[in-house]
Amino acid sequence: MKNVNTAVIAGNLTRDAELKYTKNSTAICEFAVACNDSRKNESGEYEDSPSFFDVTLFGKRAEGISKYLKKGQSVVVQGRLEQQRWEKDGQKRSKVVIIANEIELTGGKKSAESKGSADGFSDDVPF
């Protein structure tokens, strides 16, 4: 069987997206998404149980969408999982991030304020 590595999450941005560039001038957009899940606690009441995911998007699409990714914005992200490893102070560390292939703005305060086509963007914005 062929390996499969696909992730889809829907949630809200926990902070504004950060756009930076590599030495080769490749755009990198990084942001985090909170996804809430409701679970029953010991007293039988439902309470939110959020999970937080780091997301990275590369290239022209990163440049195009970064200005719309503001804290609180609702998004759906589709991509693949990547485990990043590094060493700090002699300790091995790692984290799993989502490398985005597709990002859709799905609501929230920012998309309601956006102007342009029906999905909130002009046709010349590459995503």
C-alpha atoms as a PDB file:
ATOM      1  CA  MET A   1       0.000   0.000   0.000  1.00  0.00           C
ATOM      2  CA  LYS A   2       1.219   3.481  -0.846  1.00  0.00           C
ATOM      3  CA  ASN A   3       1.903   5.893   2.035  1.00  0.00           C
ATOM      4  CA  VAL A   4      -0.643   8.650   2.629  1.00  0.00           C
ATOM      5  CA  ASN A   5       0.125  11.981   4.281  1.00  0.00           C
ATOM      6  CA  THR A   6      -2.847  14.344   4.163  1.00  0.00           C
ATOM      7  CA  ALA A   7      -4.228  16.709   6.766  1.00  0.00           C
ATOM      8  CA  VAL A   8      -7.331  18.905   6.694  1.00  0.00           C
ATOM      9  CA  ILE A   9      -8.172  21.258   9.545  1.00  0.00           C
ATOM     10  CA  ALA A  10     -10.747  24.006  10.053  1.00  0.00           C
ATOM     11  CA  GLY A  11     -10.377  26.607  12.768  1.00  0.00           C
ATOM     12  CA  ASN A  12      -9.360  30.161  13.626  1.00  0.00           C
ATOM     13  CA  LEU A  13      -5.983  31.858  13.386  1.00  0.00           C
ATOM     14  CA  THR A  14      -4.383  32.403  16.789  1.00  0.00           C
ATOM     15  CA  ARG A  15      -2.165  35.242  15.528  1.00  0.00           C
ATOM     16  CA  ASP A  16      -1.527  37.276  12.393  1.00  0.00           C
ATOM     17  CA  ALA A  17       0.398  35.439   9.693  1.00  0.00           C
ATOM     18  CA  GLU A  18       4.123  36.146   9.456  1.00  0.00           C
ATOM     19  CA  LEU A  19       5.632  36.557   5.985  1.00  0.00           C
ATOM     20  CA  LYS A  20       9.378  36.122   5.561  1.00  0.00           C
ATOM     21  CA  TYR A  21      11.808  35.162   2.815  1.00  0.00           C
ATOM     22  CA  THR A  22      14.597  32.611   2.402  1.00  0.00           C
ATOM     23  CA  LYS A  23      18.043  33.567   1.127  1.00  0.00           C
ATOM     24  CA  ASN A  24      16.793  32.499  -2.322  1.00  0.00           C
ATOM     25  CA  SER A  25      13.859  34.981  -2.035  1.00  0.00           C
ATOM     26  CA  THR A  26      11.226  32.247  -1.594  1.00  0.00           C
ATOM     27  CA  ALA A  27       8.268  33.549   0.395  1.00  0.00           C
ATOM     28  CA  ILE A  28       7.316  31.686   3.581  1.00  0.00           C
ATOM     29  CA  CYS A  29       4.027  32.401   5.358  1.00  0.00           C
ATOM     30  CA  GLU A  30       3.684  30.960   8.874  1.00  0.00           C
ATOM     31  CA  PHE A  31       0.637  31.024  11.125  1.00  0.00           C
ATOM     32  CA  ALA A  32      -1.175  28.923  13.714  1.00  0.00           C
ATOM     33  CA  VAL A  33      -4.731  27.577  13.737  1.00  0.00           C
ATOM     34  CA  ALA A  34      -6.806  26.626  16.782  1.00  0.00           C
ATOM     35  CA  CYS A  35      -9.380  23.859  16.298  1.00  0.00           C
ATOM     36  CA  ASN A  36     -11.944  23.456  19.087  1.00  0.00           C
ATOM     37  CA  ASP A  37     -13.422  20.151  20.093  1.00  0.00           C
ATOM     38  CA  SER A  38     -16.124  19.775  22.742  1.00  0.00           C
ATOM     39  CA  ARG A  39     -15.803  17.016  25.310  1.00  0.00           C
ATOM     40  CA  LYS A  40     -17.774  16.068  28.368  1.00  0.00           C
ATOM     41  CA  ASN A  41     -15.986  16.760  31.620  1.00  0.00           C
ATOM     42  CA  GLU A  42     -16.328  14.695  34.808  1.00  0.00           C
ATOM     43  CA  SER A  43     -19.568  16.475  35.748  1.00  0.00           C
ATOM     44  CA  GLY A  44     -21.120  15.665  32.364  1.00  0.00           C
ATOM     45  CA  GLU A  45     -20.948  19.209  30.986  1.00  0.00           C
ATOM     46  CA  TYR A  46     -19.392  19.997  27.626  1.00  0.00           C
ATOM     47  CA  GLU A  47     -16.244  22.096  27.578  1.00  0.00           C
ATOM     48  CA  ASP A  48     -13.967  23.261  24.766  1.00  0.00           C
ATOM     49  CA  SER A  49     -10.768  21.343  24.207  1.00  0.00           C
ATOM     50  CA  PRO A  50      -8.655  23.246  21.656  1.00  0.00           C
ATOM     51  CA  SER A  51      -5.782  21.856  19.604  1.00  0.00           C
ATOM     52  CA  PHE A  52      -3.206  24.184  18.062  1.00  0.00           C
ATOM     53  CA  PHE A  53      -1.502  23.568  14.709  1.00  0.00           C
ATOM     54  CA  ASP A  54       1.411  25.396  13.087  1.00  0.00           C
ATOM     55  CA  VAL A  55       0.968  25.923   9.337  1.00  0.00           C
ATOM     56  CA  THR A  56       3.497  26.904   6.650  1.00  0.00           C
ATOM     57  CA  LEU A  57       2.810  27.985   3.064  1.00  0.00           C
ATOM     58  CA  PHE A  58       5.486  28.684   0.443  1.00  0.00           C
ATOM     59  CA  GLY A  59       5.882  30.736  -2.735  1.00  0.00           C
ATOM     60  CA  LYS A  60       3.703  33.269  -4.508  1.00  0.00           C
ATOM     61  CA  ARG A  61       0.593  31.906  -2.836  1.00  0.00           C
ATOM     62  CA  ALA A  62       2.183  32.722   0.536  1.00  0.00           C
ATOM     63  CA  GLU A  63       2.721  36.319  -0.567  1.00  0.00           C
ATOM     64  CA  GLY A  64      -0.807  36.636  -1.940  1.00  0.00           C
ATOM     65  CA  ILE A  65      -2.748  35.348   1.031  1.00  0.00           C
ATOM     66  CA  SER A  66      -0.557  36.525   3.926  1.00  0.00           C
ATOM     67  CA  LYS A  67      -2.188  39.961   4.088  1.00  0.00           C
ATOM     68  CA  TYR A  68      -5.614  38.349   4.664  1.00  0.00           C
ATOM     69  CA  LEU A  69      -4.541  35.970   7.440  1.00  0.00           C
ATOM     70  CA  LYS A  70      -5.284  37.925  10.613  1.00  0.00           C
ATOM     71  CA  LYS A  71      -5.925  36.742  14.151  1.00  0.00           C
ATOM     72  CA  GLY A  72      -9.463  35.367  14.479  1.00  0.00           C
ATOM     73  CA  GLN A  73      -9.910  34.632  10.760  1.00  0.00           C
ATOM     74  CA  SER A  74     -11.681  31.322  10.084  1.00  0.00           C
ATOM     75  CA  VAL A  75      -9.824  29.058   7.660  1.00  0.00           C
ATOM     76  CA  VAL A  76      -9.776  25.572   6.206  1.00  0.00           C
ATOM     77  CA  VAL A  77      -6.261  24.272   5.527  1.00  0.00           C
ATOM     78  CA  GLN A  78      -5.421  21.227   3.428  1.00  0.00           C
ATOM     79  CA  GLY A  79      -1.862  19.971   3.224  1.00  0.00           C
ATOM     80  CA  ARG A  80       0.609  17.387   4.446  1.00  0.00           C
ATOM     81  CA  LEU A  81       2.269  16.803   7.794  1.00  0.00           C
ATOM     82  CA  GLU A  82       6.003  17.327   8.155  1.00  0.00           C
ATOM     83  CA  GLN A  83       8.100  16.559  11.211  1.00  0.00           C
ATOM     84  CA  GLN A  84      10.802  19.169  11.713  1.00  0.00           C
ATOM     85  CA  ARG A  85      13.823  18.175  13.816  1.00  0.00           C
ATOM     86  CA  TRP A  86      16.607  20.278  15.328  1.00  0.00           C
ATOM     87  CA  GLU A  87      18.974  20.345  18.269  1.00  0.00           C
ATOM     88  CA  LYS A  88      19.075  23.108  20.886  1.00  0.00           C
ATOM     89  CA  ASP A  89      21.412  23.209  23.860  1.00  0.00           C
ATOM     90  CA  GLY A  90      22.329  19.557  23.280  1.00  0.00           C
ATOM     91  CA  GLN A  91      18.663  18.478  23.376  1.00  0.00           C
ATOM     92  CA  LYS A  92      16.990  16.932  20.351  1.00  0.00           C
ATOM     93  CA  ARG A  93      13.692  18.624  19.566  1.00  0.00           C
ATOM     94  CA  SER A  94      10.960  18.175  16.992  1.00  0.00           C
ATOM     95  CA  LYS A  95       7.515  19.409  16.054  1.00  0.00           C
ATOM     96  CA  VAL A  96       4.952  18.504  13.431  1.00  0.00           C
ATOM     97  CA  VAL A  97       3.703  21.267  11.124  1.00  0.00           C
ATOM     98  CA  ILE A  98       1.190  21.326   8.290  1.00  0.00           C
ATOM     99  CA  ILE A  99       2.702  22.276   4.932  1.00  0.00           C
ATOM    100  CA  ALA A 100      -0.325  23.851   3.238  1.00  0.00           C
ATOM    101  CA  ASN A 101      -1.400  23.088  -0.314  1.00  0.00           C
ATOM    102  CA  GLU A 102      -4.761  24.868  -0.114  1.00  0.00           C
ATOM    103  CA  ILE A 103      -6.130  27.561   2.186  1.00  0.00           C
ATOM    104  CA  GLU A 104      -9.722  28.765   2.170  1.00  0.00           C
ATOM    105  CA  LEU A 105     -10.982  31.730   4.174  1.00  0.00           C
ATOM    106  CA  THR A 106     -14.336  30.606   5.527  1.00  0.00           C
ATOM    107  CA  GLY A 107     -15.677  33.465   7.585  1.00  0.00           C
ATOM    108  CA  GLY A 108     -14.922  35.480  10.640  1.00  0.00           C
ATOM    109  CA  LYS A 109     -14.451  39.185  11.009  1.00  0.00           C
ATOM    110  CA  LYS A 110     -11.838  39.672   8.290  1.00  0.00           C
ATOM    111  CA  SER A 111     -13.591  37.939   5.404  1.00  0.00           C
ATOM    112  CA  ALA A 112     -16.830  39.769   6.196  1.00  0.00           C
ATOM    113  CA  GLU A 113     -14.930  43.037   5.765  1.00  0.00           C
ATOM    114  CA  SER A 114     -13.148  41.952   2.555  1.00  0.00           C
ATOM    115  CA  LYS A 115     -14.128  43.430  -0.766  1.00  0.00           C
ATOM    116  CA  GLY A 116     -13.805  41.845  -4.188  1.00  0.00           C
ATOM    117  CA  SER A 117     -15.389  38.786  -5.759  1.00  0.00           C
ATOM    118  CA  ALA A 118     -17.920  36.519  -4.069  1.00  0.00           C
ATOM    119  CA  ASP A 119     -15.265  34.740  -2.026  1.00  0.00           C
ATOM    120  CA  GLY A 120     -13.867  38.028  -0.718  1.00  0.00           C
ATOM    121  CA  PHE A 121     -10.920  38.329  -3.126  1.00  0.00           C
ATOM    122  CA  SER A 122     -10.234  39.886  -6.471  1.00  0.00           C
ATOM    123  CA  ASP A 123      -9.452  37.464  -9.284  1.00  0.00           C
ATOM    124  CA  ASP A 124      -5.764  38.416  -9.385  1.00  0.00           C
ATOM    125  CA  VAL A 125      -4.869  37.096  -5.918  1.00  0.00           C
ATOM    126  CA  PRO A 126      -3.074  33.711  -6.284  1.00  0.00           C
ATOM    127  CA  PHE A 127      -3.933  31.103  -3.643  1.00  0.00           C
END
